[in-house]
Amino acid sequence: MGKDPNKRSPLKDPAMRNPGQSLAEARRRVWDDYGQTPALATASLVFLAMMKWIERWMDEATSPWLWTVLALMAFAWLVTRIFKAKPIIYALEQGEQGERAVGQYLERLREQGYQVFHDLIGDGFNLDHVIIGPAGIFSIETKTWSKPAQGEPKIVFNGEHLSLPGRNDERRPLIQAQAQASWLKTLLSESIGRSLDVRPVVLFPGWFIDSKQARQSPIWVLNPKALPTFLGNAPQRLSSEDIKLFSFHLSRWIRSEESRSLRL
């Protein structure tokens, strides 16, 4: 049923995005690419092969073998695509669950005067979470990394790189978090007309984080449960008026981007 030209939506603005929404959308795209399209092609060839066999049973002259071979090849292709998709979908699903869990945890910060935003879409990337409150503006990247089967799930952050079982001198999450914070700083500064600071944060759900060597680092690397303590110990940087102003500009940008994407 199409849209009634005599009616309009009661919603003035599109809804804000949910935690992990980009990963959920990516997971659906992977399934469409690796599973749904090959499955439809395979089903079509299987149907044609079955029709040819029925014609043969009815003493028709057409040979069913060509369509049977094509159907078997398509089925093998489908199985291969599904096996390739499984680790991709698993990684996306794990990341989505991590972002949702962290997002639900961050929502509790509203009681402490923070505004919480999820899944900001940039140019070719997404920013998992943003919080704006008394301690400042924070861009948050969630990393739902699998823990080792044995041994302590511990990450050591020395201010320059991460060290954990199987990985040493890991810098990619730090570089990513810094780039996202810089992007958010530019976005808000241009929108508001004021220079402001954004602190990058990387959260690792389920991991123990040793960051004693990185107390002076501009990046926070934490377990999500430690974030409220760090925020509570940080000096107040924003007034309630600043929090409302920055949150208004950011929410307006998010809604405008969501409206634009819906029109595409």
C-alpha atoms as a PDB file:
ATOM      1  CA  MET A   1       0.000   0.000   0.000  1.00  0.00           C
ATOM      2  CA  GLY A   2       1.427   3.388  -1.017  1.00  0.00           C
ATOM      3  CA  LYS A   3       1.511   6.573   0.960  1.00  0.00           C
ATOM      4  CA  ASP A   4      -1.819   8.365   1.255  1.00  0.00           C
ATOM      5  CA  PRO A   5      -1.302  11.842  -0.275  1.00  0.00           C
ATOM      6  CA  ASN A   6      -3.933  13.235   2.088  1.00  0.00           C
ATOM      7  CA  LYS A   7      -2.067  12.152   5.225  1.00  0.00           C
ATOM      8  CA  ARG A   8       1.335  12.827   6.738  1.00  0.00           C
ATOM      9  CA  SER A   9       3.461  11.275   9.447  1.00  0.00           C
ATOM     10  CA  PRO A  10       2.863  12.441  13.014  1.00  0.00           C
ATOM     11  CA  LEU A  11       6.652  12.422  13.548  1.00  0.00           C
ATOM     12  CA  LYS A  12       8.290  15.767  12.899  1.00  0.00           C
ATOM     13  CA  ASP A  13      11.880  14.491  12.946  1.00  0.00           C
ATOM     14  CA  PRO A  14      13.473  11.081  12.330  1.00  0.00           C
ATOM     15  CA  ALA A  15      14.337   9.051  15.407  1.00  0.00           C
ATOM     16  CA  MET A  16      17.844   9.166  16.839  1.00  0.00           C
ATOM     17  CA  ARG A  17      20.052   6.197  16.042  1.00  0.00           C
ATOM     18  CA  ASN A  18      20.462   3.230  18.393  1.00  0.00           C
ATOM     19  CA  PRO A  19      23.691   1.678  19.720  1.00  0.00           C
ATOM     20  CA  GLY A  20      25.187  -0.712  17.163  1.00  0.00           C
ATOM     21  CA  GLN A  21      22.746   0.308  14.427  1.00  0.00           C
ATOM     22  CA  SER A  22      25.455   0.629  11.767  1.00  0.00           C
ATOM     23  CA  LEU A  23      26.744  -2.875  12.515  1.00  0.00           C
ATOM     24  CA  ALA A  24      23.212  -4.290  12.383  1.00  0.00           C
ATOM     25  CA  GLU A  25      22.726  -2.658   8.987  1.00  0.00           C
ATOM     26  CA  ALA A  26      26.103  -3.983   7.812  1.00  0.00           C
ATOM     27  CA  ARG A  27      25.172  -7.484   8.984  1.00  0.00           C
ATOM     28  CA  ARG A  28      21.976  -7.360   6.932  1.00  0.00           C
ATOM     29  CA  ARG A  29      23.925  -6.194   3.884  1.00  0.00           C
ATOM     30  CA  VAL A  30      26.380  -9.079   4.273  1.00  0.00           C
ATOM     31  CA  TRP A  31      23.504 -11.554   4.449  1.00  0.00           C
ATOM     32  CA  ASP A  32      21.905 -10.006   1.351  1.00  0.00           C
ATOM     33  CA  ASP A  33      25.184 -10.183  -0.561  1.00  0.00           C
ATOM     34  CA  TYR A  34      26.463 -13.575   0.600  1.00  0.00           C
ATOM     35  CA  GLY A  35      23.239 -15.433   1.318  1.00  0.00           C
ATOM     36  CA  GLN A  36      19.990 -14.054  -0.012  1.00  0.00           C
ATOM     37  CA  THR A  37      21.034 -13.300  -3.597  1.00  0.00           C
ATOM     38  CA  PRO A  38      22.850 -16.640  -4.141  1.00  0.00           C
ATOM     39  CA  ALA A  39      19.933 -18.461  -2.495  1.00  0.00           C
ATOM     40  CA  LEU A  40      17.431 -16.913  -4.904  1.00  0.00           C
ATOM     41  CA  ALA A  41      19.629 -17.747  -7.895  1.00  0.00           C
ATOM     42  CA  THR A  42      20.071 -21.322  -6.673  1.00  0.00           C
ATOM     43  CA  ALA A  43      16.356 -21.758  -6.050  1.00  0.00           C
ATOM     44  CA  SER A  44      15.586 -20.569  -9.586  1.00  0.00           C
ATOM     45  CA  LEU A  45      17.999 -23.053 -11.157  1.00  0.00           C
ATOM     46  CA  VAL A  46      16.763 -25.894  -8.941  1.00  0.00           C
ATOM     47  CA  PHE A  47      13.210 -25.108 -10.025  1.00  0.00           C
ATOM     48  CA  LEU A  48      14.188 -25.129 -13.711  1.00  0.00           C
ATOM     49  CA  ALA A  49      16.062 -28.415 -13.278  1.00  0.00           C
ATOM     50  CA  MET A  50      13.029 -29.970 -11.591  1.00  0.00           C
ATOM     51  CA  MET A  51      10.807 -28.805 -14.438  1.00  0.00           C
ATOM     52  CA  LYS A  52      13.137 -30.406 -16.972  1.00  0.00           C
ATOM     53  CA  TRP A  53      13.069 -33.706 -15.074  1.00  0.00           C
ATOM     54  CA  ILE A  54       9.281 -33.566 -14.969  1.00  0.00           C
ATOM     55  CA  GLU A  55       9.248 -32.974 -18.724  1.00  0.00           C
ATOM     56  CA  ARG A  56      11.471 -36.011 -19.204  1.00  0.00           C
ATOM     57  CA  TRP A  57       9.218 -38.173 -17.068  1.00  0.00           C
ATOM     58  CA  MET A  58       6.384 -37.035 -19.268  1.00  0.00           C
ATOM     59  CA  ASP A  59       8.347 -38.224 -22.326  1.00  0.00           C
ATOM     60  CA  GLU A  60       9.335 -34.737 -23.449  1.00  0.00           C
ATOM     61  CA  ALA A  61      12.519 -34.511 -25.538  1.00  0.00           C
ATOM     62  CA  THR A  62      14.369 -31.816 -23.572  1.00  0.00           C
ATOM     63  CA  SER A  63      17.382 -33.089 -21.604  1.00  0.00           C
ATOM     64  CA  PRO A  64      17.403 -32.146 -17.914  1.00  0.00           C
ATOM     65  CA  TRP A  65      21.115 -32.702 -17.365  1.00  0.00           C
ATOM     66  CA  LEU A  66      22.320 -29.205 -18.267  1.00  0.00           C
ATOM     67  CA  TRP A  67      19.947 -27.571 -15.784  1.00  0.00           C
ATOM     68  CA  THR A  68      20.794 -30.180 -13.165  1.00  0.00           C
ATOM     69  CA  VAL A  69      24.516 -29.443 -13.454  1.00  0.00           C
ATOM     70  CA  LEU A  70      23.845 -25.706 -13.295  1.00  0.00           C
ATOM     71  CA  ALA A  71      21.675 -26.178 -10.205  1.00  0.00           C
ATOM     72  CA  LEU A  72      24.395 -28.245  -8.492  1.00  0.00           C
ATOM     73  CA  MET A  73      27.016 -25.620  -9.338  1.00  0.00           C
ATOM     74  CA  ALA A  74      24.764 -22.887  -7.974  1.00  0.00           C
ATOM     75  CA  PHE A  75      24.203 -24.879  -4.790  1.00  0.00           C
ATOM     76  CA  ALA A  76      27.957 -25.317  -4.328  1.00  0.00           C
ATOM     77  CA  TRP A  77      28.392 -21.577  -4.876  1.00  0.00           C
ATOM     78  CA  LEU A  78      25.708 -20.868  -2.278  1.00  0.00           C
ATOM     79  CA  VAL A  79      27.386 -23.110   0.305  1.00  0.00           C
ATOM     80  CA  THR A  80      30.756 -21.442  -0.348  1.00  0.00           C
ATOM     81  CA  ARG A  81      29.259 -17.975   0.055  1.00  0.00           C
ATOM     82  CA  ILE A  82      27.554 -18.933   3.305  1.00  0.00           C
ATOM     83  CA  PHE A  83      30.785 -20.308   4.771  1.00  0.00           C
ATOM     84  CA  LYS A  84      32.596 -17.099   3.790  1.00  0.00           C
ATOM     85  CA  ALA A  85      29.851 -14.986   5.342  1.00  0.00           C
ATOM     86  CA  LYS A  86      29.763 -16.787   8.697  1.00  0.00           C
ATOM     87  CA  PRO A  87      32.926 -15.235  10.245  1.00  0.00           C
ATOM     88  CA  ILE A  88      31.989 -11.800   8.906  1.00  0.00           C
ATOM     89  CA  ILE A  89      28.488 -11.998  10.354  1.00  0.00           C
ATOM     90  CA  TYR A  90      29.843 -13.355  13.649  1.00  0.00           C
ATOM     91  CA  ALA A  91      32.281 -10.447  13.988  1.00  0.00           C
ATOM     92  CA  LEU A  92      29.590  -7.904  13.139  1.00  0.00           C
ATOM     93  CA  GLU A  93      27.142  -9.502  15.556  1.00  0.00           C
ATOM     94  CA  GLN A  94      29.709  -9.530  18.366  1.00  0.00           C
ATOM     95  CA  GLY A  95      30.528  -5.888  17.706  1.00  0.00           C
ATOM     96  CA  GLU A  96      26.845  -4.983  17.602  1.00  0.00           C
ATOM     97  CA  GLN A  97      26.182  -6.707  20.926  1.00  0.00           C
ATOM     98  CA  GLY A  98      29.154  -4.919  22.482  1.00  0.00           C
ATOM     99  CA  GLU A  99      27.987  -1.513  21.283  1.00  0.00           C
ATOM    100  CA  ARG A 100      24.458  -2.180  22.510  1.00  0.00           C
ATOM    101  CA  ALA A 101      25.721  -3.268  25.941  1.00  0.00           C
ATOM    102  CA  VAL A 102      27.981  -0.233  26.254  1.00  0.00           C
ATOM    103  CA  GLY A 103      25.218   2.032  24.969  1.00  0.00           C
ATOM    104  CA  GLN A 104      22.811   0.769  27.613  1.00  0.00           C
ATOM    105  CA  TYR A 105      25.487   1.319  30.257  1.00  0.00           C
ATOM    106  CA  LEU A 106      26.150   4.860  29.038  1.00  0.00           C
ATOM    107  CA  GLU A 107      22.466   5.698  29.266  1.00  0.00           C
ATOM    108  CA  ARG A 108      22.836   5.614  33.054  1.00  0.00           C
ATOM    109  CA  LEU A 109      25.062   8.681  32.817  1.00  0.00           C
ATOM    110  CA  ARG A 110      22.007  10.792  32.051  1.00  0.00           C
ATOM    111  CA  GLU A 111      21.331  10.730  35.788  1.00  0.00           C
ATOM    112  CA  GLN A 112      24.663  12.547  36.252  1.00  0.00           C
ATOM    113  CA  GLY A 113      23.779  15.311  33.805  1.00  0.00           C
ATOM    114  CA  TYR A 114      25.190  13.794  30.610  1.00  0.00           C
ATOM    115  CA  GLN A 115      23.595  13.761  27.173  1.00  0.00           C
ATOM    116  CA  VAL A 116      24.236  10.501  25.307  1.00  0.00           C
ATOM    117  CA  PHE A 117      24.292   9.949  21.541  1.00  0.00           C
ATOM    118  CA  HIS A 118      24.841   6.731  19.611  1.00  0.00           C
ATOM    119  CA  ASP A 119      26.088   5.681  16.182  1.00  0.00           C
ATOM    120  CA  LEU A 120      27.007   8.945  14.490  1.00  0.00           C
ATOM    121  CA  ILE A 121      27.608   8.406  10.780  1.00  0.00           C
ATOM    122  CA  GLY A 122      30.644  10.157   9.330  1.00  0.00           C
ATOM    123  CA  ASP A 123      32.166  10.003   5.862  1.00  0.00           C
ATOM    124  CA  GLY A 124      32.987   6.316   5.548  1.00  0.00           C
ATOM    125  CA  PHE A 125      32.978   5.565   9.275  1.00  0.00           C
ATOM    126  CA  ASN A 126      30.752   5.662  12.334  1.00  0.00           C
ATOM    127  CA  LEU A 127      31.373   7.015  15.820  1.00  0.00           C
ATOM    128  CA  ASP A 128      29.944   4.556  18.332  1.00  0.00           C
ATOM    129  CA  HIS A 129      28.944   6.962  21.113  1.00  0.00           C
ATOM    130  CA  VAL A 130      29.244  10.570  22.213  1.00  0.00           C
ATOM    131  CA  ILE A 131      28.589  11.897  25.702  1.00  0.00           C
ATOM    132  CA  ILE A 132      28.370  15.560  26.635  1.00  0.00           C
ATOM    133  CA  GLY A 133      28.301  16.531  30.290  1.00  0.00           C
ATOM    134  CA  PRO A 134      29.985  18.330  33.171  1.00  0.00           C
ATOM    135  CA  ALA A 135      33.420  16.768  32.510  1.00  0.00           C
ATOM    136  CA  GLY A 136      33.370  17.725  28.827  1.00  0.00           C
ATOM    137  CA  ILE A 137      32.736  16.143  25.445  1.00  0.00           C
ATOM    138  CA  PHE A 138      33.826  12.551  24.851  1.00  0.00           C
ATOM    139  CA  SER A 139      33.917  10.499  21.657  1.00  0.00           C
ATOM    140  CA  ILE A 140      33.711   6.823  22.536  1.00  0.00           C
ATOM    141  CA  GLU A 141      34.865   3.863  20.469  1.00  0.00           C
ATOM    142  CA  THR A 142      33.791   0.388  21.623  1.00  0.00           C
ATOM    143  CA  LYS A 143      36.035  -2.590  20.879  1.00  0.00           C
ATOM    144  CA  THR A 144      34.377  -5.947  21.550  1.00  0.00           C
ATOM    145  CA  TRP A 145      37.470  -8.071  21.178  1.00  0.00           C
ATOM    146  CA  SER A 146      37.318 -11.788  21.935  1.00  0.00           C
ATOM    147  CA  LYS A 147      39.078 -12.789  25.135  1.00  0.00           C
ATOM    148  CA  PRO A 148      41.722 -15.549  25.201  1.00  0.00           C
ATOM    149  CA  ALA A 149      40.474 -19.040  25.964  1.00  0.00           C
ATOM    150  CA  GLN A 150      43.063 -19.263  28.740  1.00  0.00           C
ATOM    151  CA  GLY A 151      44.876 -16.667  30.787  1.00  0.00           C
ATOM    152  CA  GLU A 152      43.889 -13.272  32.100  1.00  0.00           C
ATOM    153  CA  PRO A 153      41.977 -10.993  29.702  1.00  0.00           C
ATOM    154  CA  LYS A 154      44.260  -8.022  30.337  1.00  0.00           C
ATOM    155  CA  ILE A 155      45.170  -5.018  28.198  1.00  0.00           C
ATOM    156  CA  VAL A 156      48.118  -2.809  29.127  1.00  0.00           C
ATOM    157  CA  PHE A 157      48.019   0.779  27.863  1.00  0.00           C
ATOM    158  CA  ASN A 158      51.241   2.755  28.235  1.00  0.00           C
ATOM    159  CA  GLY A 159      50.002   5.952  26.612  1.00  0.00           C
ATOM    160  CA  GLU A 160      51.270   5.087  23.140  1.00  0.00           C
ATOM    161  CA  HIS A 161      50.118   1.567  22.350  1.00  0.00           C
ATOM    162  CA  LEU A 162      48.169  -1.414  23.675  1.00  0.00           C
ATOM    163  CA  SER A 163      49.587  -4.775  24.690  1.00  0.00           C
ATOM    164  CA  LEU A 164      47.433  -7.866  25.130  1.00  0.00           C
ATOM    165  CA  PRO A 165      47.702 -11.621  24.562  1.00  0.00           C
ATOM    166  CA  GLY A 166      48.606 -12.209  20.930  1.00  0.00           C
ATOM    167  CA  ARG A 167      49.004  -8.513  20.140  1.00  0.00           C
ATOM    168  CA  ASN A 168      51.829  -6.147  20.998  1.00  0.00           C
ATOM    169  CA  ASP A 169      52.279  -2.521  20.009  1.00  0.00           C
ATOM    170  CA  GLU A 170      48.645  -2.316  18.900  1.00  0.00           C
ATOM    171  CA  ARG A 171      47.913   1.290  17.918  1.00  0.00           C
ATOM    172  CA  ARG A 172      44.969   1.082  15.533  1.00  0.00           C
ATOM    173  CA  PRO A 173      42.185   1.668  18.102  1.00  0.00           C
ATOM    174  CA  LEU A 174      44.070   4.690  19.452  1.00  0.00           C
ATOM    175  CA  ILE A 175      44.581   6.188  16.007  1.00  0.00           C
ATOM    176  CA  GLN A 176      40.934   5.562  15.180  1.00  0.00           C
ATOM    177  CA  ALA A 177      39.727   7.159  18.421  1.00  0.00           C
ATOM    178  CA  GLN A 178      41.909  10.236  17.905  1.00  0.00           C
ATOM    179  CA  ALA A 179      40.672  10.680  14.333  1.00  0.00           C
ATOM    180  CA  GLN A 180      37.050  10.412  15.439  1.00  0.00           C
ATOM    181  CA  ALA A 181      37.553  12.926  18.249  1.00  0.00           C
ATOM    182  CA  SER A 182      39.164  15.337  15.793  1.00  0.00           C
ATOM    183  CA  TRP A 183      36.227  14.911  13.398  1.00  0.00           C
ATOM    184  CA  LEU A 184      33.706  15.567  16.176  1.00  0.00           C
ATOM    185  CA  LYS A 185      35.665  18.604  17.372  1.00  0.00           C
ATOM    186  CA  THR A 186      35.625  20.090  13.866  1.00  0.00           C
ATOM    187  CA  LEU A 187      31.935  19.318  13.422  1.00  0.00           C
ATOM    188  CA  LEU A 188      30.858  20.981  16.668  1.00  0.00           C
ATOM    189  CA  SER A 189      33.290  23.898  16.422  1.00  0.00           C
ATOM    190  CA  GLU A 190      32.031  24.804  12.953  1.00  0.00           C
ATOM    191  CA  SER A 191      28.411  24.430  14.019  1.00  0.00           C
ATOM    192  CA  ILE A 192      28.709  26.448  17.222  1.00  0.00           C
ATOM    193  CA  GLY A 193      31.428  28.894  16.221  1.00  0.00           C
ATOM    194  CA  ARG A 194      33.552  28.133  19.271  1.00  0.00           C
ATOM    195  CA  SER A 195      36.744  26.188  19.752  1.00  0.00           C
ATOM    196  CA  LEU A 196      36.271  23.228  22.070  1.00  0.00           C
ATOM    197  CA  ASP A 197      38.026  20.060  23.171  1.00  0.00           C
ATOM    198  CA  VAL A 198      36.889  16.478  22.634  1.00  0.00           C
ATOM    199  CA  ARG A 199      38.519  13.646  24.566  1.00  0.00           C
ATOM    200  CA  PRO A 200      38.804  10.278  22.780  1.00  0.00           C
ATOM    201  CA  VAL A 201      37.835   7.194  24.784  1.00  0.00           C
ATOM    202  CA  VAL A 202      38.264   3.514  23.881  1.00  0.00           C
ATOM    203  CA  LEU A 203      36.162   1.021  25.847  1.00  0.00           C
ATOM    204  CA  PHE A 204      36.885  -2.720  25.987  1.00  0.00           C
ATOM    205  CA  PRO A 205      33.925  -4.647  27.482  1.00  0.00           C
ATOM    206  CA  GLY A 206      34.982  -7.666  29.529  1.00  0.00           C
ATOM    207  CA  TRP A 207      38.683  -6.793  29.677  1.00  0.00           C
ATOM    208  CA  PHE A 208      40.843  -5.702  32.597  1.00  0.00           C
ATOM    209  CA  ILE A 209      42.667  -2.504  31.632  1.00  0.00           C
ATOM    210  CA  ASP A 210      46.014  -1.545  33.158  1.00  0.00           C
ATOM    211  CA  SER A 211      46.593   2.116  32.293  1.00  0.00           C
ATOM    212  CA  LYS A 212      48.789   3.170  35.222  1.00  0.00           C
ATOM    213  CA  GLN A 213      51.540   4.165  32.783  1.00  0.00           C
ATOM    214  CA  ALA A 214      49.185   6.403  30.802  1.00  0.00           C
ATOM    215  CA  ARG A 215      47.822   8.783  33.414  1.00  0.00           C
ATOM    216  CA  GLN A 216      48.839  11.823  31.338  1.00  0.00           C
ATOM    217  CA  SER A 217      47.548  10.437  28.055  1.00  0.00           C
ATOM    218  CA  PRO A 218      44.835  12.460  26.268  1.00  0.00           C
ATOM    219  CA  ILE A 219      43.132   9.143  25.457  1.00  0.00           C
ATOM    220  CA  TRP A 220      41.233   7.099  28.011  1.00  0.00           C
ATOM    221  CA  VAL A 221      41.402   3.326  27.531  1.00  0.00           C
ATOM    222  CA  LEU A 222      38.970   1.715  29.951  1.00  0.00           C
ATOM    223  CA  ASN A 223      36.602  -1.042  30.851  1.00  0.00           C
ATOM    224  CA  PRO A 224      33.109   0.514  30.553  1.00  0.00           C
ATOM    225  CA  LYS A 225      32.515   0.057  34.284  1.00  0.00           C
ATOM    226  CA  ALA A 226      35.452   2.372  35.052  1.00  0.00           C
ATOM    227  CA  LEU A 227      34.141   5.272  32.983  1.00  0.00           C
ATOM    228  CA  PRO A 228      31.824   6.793  35.648  1.00  0.00           C
ATOM    229  CA  THR A 229      34.740   6.933  38.106  1.00  0.00           C
ATOM    230  CA  PHE A 230      36.987   8.675  35.592  1.00  0.00           C
ATOM    231  CA  LEU A 231      34.228  11.153  34.785  1.00  0.00           C
ATOM    232  CA  GLY A 232      33.592  11.783  38.466  1.00  0.00           C
ATOM    233  CA  ASN A 233      37.276  12.478  39.120  1.00  0.00           C
ATOM    234  CA  ALA A 234      37.607  14.829  36.146  1.00  0.00           C
ATOM    235  CA  PRO A 235      37.238  18.581  36.714  1.00  0.00           C
ATOM    236  CA  GLN A 236      34.047  20.267  35.564  1.00  0.00           C
ATOM    237  CA  ARG A 237      34.550  21.828  32.150  1.00  0.00           C
ATOM    238  CA  LEU A 238      31.044  22.552  30.907  1.00  0.00           C
ATOM    239  CA  SER A 239      28.186  24.465  32.452  1.00  0.00           C
ATOM    240  CA  SER A 240      24.611  23.252  32.120  1.00  0.00           C
ATOM    241  CA  GLU A 241      24.068  25.923  29.441  1.00  0.00           C
ATOM    242  CA  ASP A 242      27.060  24.650  27.446  1.00  0.00           C
ATOM    243  CA  ILE A 243      25.816  21.073  27.726  1.00  0.00           C
ATOM    244  CA  LYS A 244      22.419  22.079  26.363  1.00  0.00           C
ATOM    245  CA  LEU A 245      23.958  24.170  23.573  1.00  0.00           C
ATOM    246  CA  PHE A 246      26.414  21.516  22.369  1.00  0.00           C
ATOM    247  CA  SER A 247      23.806  18.752  22.653  1.00  0.00           C
ATOM    248  CA  PHE A 248      21.293  20.789  20.671  1.00  0.00           C
ATOM    249  CA  HIS A 249      23.714  21.379  17.810  1.00  0.00           C
ATOM    250  CA  LEU A 250      24.810  17.746  17.731  1.00  0.00           C
ATOM    251  CA  SER A 251      21.263  16.358  17.825  1.00  0.00           C
ATOM    252  CA  ARG A 252      20.244  18.781  15.075  1.00  0.00           C
ATOM    253  CA  TRP A 253      23.122  17.571  12.901  1.00  0.00           C
ATOM    254  CA  ILE A 254      22.252  13.913  13.556  1.00  0.00           C
ATOM    255  CA  ARG A 255      18.603  14.422  12.619  1.00  0.00           C
ATOM    256  CA  SER A 256      19.492  16.372   9.484  1.00  0.00           C
ATOM    257  CA  GLU A 257      21.869  13.608   8.362  1.00  0.00           C
ATOM    258  CA  GLU A 258      19.245  10.960   9.080  1.00  0.00           C
ATOM    259  CA  SER A 259      16.637  12.917   7.101  1.00  0.00           C
ATOM    260  CA  ARG A 260      19.071  13.247   4.202  1.00  0.00           C
ATOM    261  CA  SER A 261      19.829   9.509   4.191  1.00  0.00           C
ATOM    262  CA  LEU A 262      16.106   8.692   4.193  1.00  0.00           C
ATOM    263  CA  ARG A 263      15.620  10.861   1.106  1.00  0.00           C
ATOM    264  CA  LEU A 264      18.367   9.059  -0.837  1.00  0.00           C
END
